[in-house]
Amino acid sequence: MGRMVMLVVGALLALWVLFTFILPMLMGLLQLALIVGVIGVIVFVAVTLVGRSR
């Protein structure tokens, strides 16, 4: 019985850690990667346009 209670408590704690810490951290990393990607595309387009104009 004690093992089953500890299993349920452990599963609930794991879900709490997942939704409280890990998912927001992954969303922040995804947002950062998106911003860096957009900046990279803008720089690539600018370099390409400057290279063609000369």
C-alpha atoms as a PDB file:
ATOM      1  CA  MET A   1       0.000   0.000   0.000  1.00  0.00           C
ATOM      2  CA  GLY A   2       2.802   2.406   0.876  1.00  0.00           C
ATOM      3  CA  ARG A   3       4.520   1.655  -2.406  1.00  0.00           C
ATOM      4  CA  MET A   4       1.359   2.537  -4.358  1.00  0.00           C
ATOM      5  CA  VAL A   5       0.941   5.813  -2.430  1.00  0.00           C
ATOM      6  CA  MET A   6       4.554   6.753  -3.113  1.00  0.00           C
ATOM      7  CA  LEU A   7       4.093   5.885  -6.798  1.00  0.00           C
ATOM      8  CA  VAL A   8       1.095   8.209  -7.074  1.00  0.00           C
ATOM      9  CA  VAL A   9       2.843  10.990  -5.138  1.00  0.00           C
ATOM     10  CA  GLY A  10       5.941  10.608  -7.342  1.00  0.00           C
ATOM     11  CA  ALA A  11       3.871  10.749 -10.523  1.00  0.00           C
ATOM     12  CA  LEU A  12       2.043  13.869  -9.329  1.00  0.00           C
ATOM     13  CA  LEU A  13       5.336  15.520  -8.393  1.00  0.00           C
ATOM     14  CA  ALA A  14       6.804  14.654 -11.796  1.00  0.00           C
ATOM     15  CA  LEU A  15       3.792  16.201 -13.562  1.00  0.00           C
ATOM     16  CA  TRP A  16       4.045  19.311 -11.395  1.00  0.00           C
ATOM     17  CA  VAL A  17       7.751  19.728 -12.236  1.00  0.00           C
ATOM     18  CA  LEU A  18       6.985  19.167 -15.929  1.00  0.00           C
ATOM     19  CA  PHE A  19       4.258  21.784 -16.156  1.00  0.00           C
ATOM     20  CA  THR A  20       5.873  24.273 -13.761  1.00  0.00           C
ATOM     21  CA  PHE A  21       9.495  24.286 -14.892  1.00  0.00           C
ATOM     22  CA  ILE A  22      10.245  22.260 -18.010  1.00  0.00           C
ATOM     23  CA  LEU A  23       7.481  23.333 -20.414  1.00  0.00           C
ATOM     24  CA  PRO A  24       7.905  27.100 -19.782  1.00  0.00           C
ATOM     25  CA  MET A  25      11.664  26.695 -20.198  1.00  0.00           C
ATOM     26  CA  LEU A  26      11.169  24.901 -23.534  1.00  0.00           C
ATOM     27  CA  MET A  27       8.755  27.591 -24.719  1.00  0.00           C
ATOM     28  CA  GLY A  28      11.327  30.255 -23.832  1.00  0.00           C
ATOM     29  CA  LEU A  29      14.047  28.399 -25.738  1.00  0.00           C
ATOM     30  CA  LEU A  30      11.744  27.992 -28.732  1.00  0.00           C
ATOM     31  CA  GLN A  31      10.946  31.708 -28.682  1.00  0.00           C
ATOM     32  CA  LEU A  32      14.649  32.559 -28.472  1.00  0.00           C
ATOM     33  CA  ALA A  33      15.446  30.236 -31.386  1.00  0.00           C
ATOM     34  CA  LEU A  34      12.669  31.833 -33.442  1.00  0.00           C
ATOM     35  CA  ILE A  35      13.987  35.350 -32.777  1.00  0.00           C
ATOM     36  CA  VAL A  36      17.567  34.327 -33.642  1.00  0.00           C
ATOM     37  CA  GLY A  37      16.312  32.637 -36.822  1.00  0.00           C
ATOM     38  CA  VAL A  38      14.399  35.730 -37.937  1.00  0.00           C
ATOM     39  CA  ILE A  39      17.441  37.932 -37.304  1.00  0.00           C
ATOM     40  CA  GLY A  40      19.573  35.465 -39.276  1.00  0.00           C
ATOM     41  CA  VAL A  41      17.193  35.573 -42.248  1.00  0.00           C
ATOM     42  CA  ILE A  42      17.172  39.381 -42.188  1.00  0.00           C
ATOM     43  CA  VAL A  43      20.990  39.489 -42.153  1.00  0.00           C
ATOM     44  CA  PHE A  44      21.145  36.907 -44.967  1.00  0.00           C
ATOM     45  CA  VAL A  45      18.746  38.913 -47.138  1.00  0.00           C
ATOM     46  CA  ALA A  46      20.634  42.150 -46.462  1.00  0.00           C
ATOM     47  CA  VAL A  47      24.003  40.585 -47.342  1.00  0.00           C
ATOM     48  CA  THR A  48      22.543  39.040 -50.488  1.00  0.00           C
ATOM     49  CA  LEU A  49      21.056  42.366 -51.621  1.00  0.00           C
ATOM     50  CA  VAL A  50      24.282  44.273 -50.920  1.00  0.00           C
ATOM     51  CA  GLY A  51      26.288  41.603 -52.756  1.00  0.00           C
ATOM     52  CA  ARG A  52      24.113  41.828 -55.856  1.00  0.00           C
ATOM     53  CA  SER A  53      24.141  45.622 -55.979  1.00  0.00           C
ATOM     54  CA  ARG A  54      27.943  45.830 -56.313  1.00  0.00           C
END
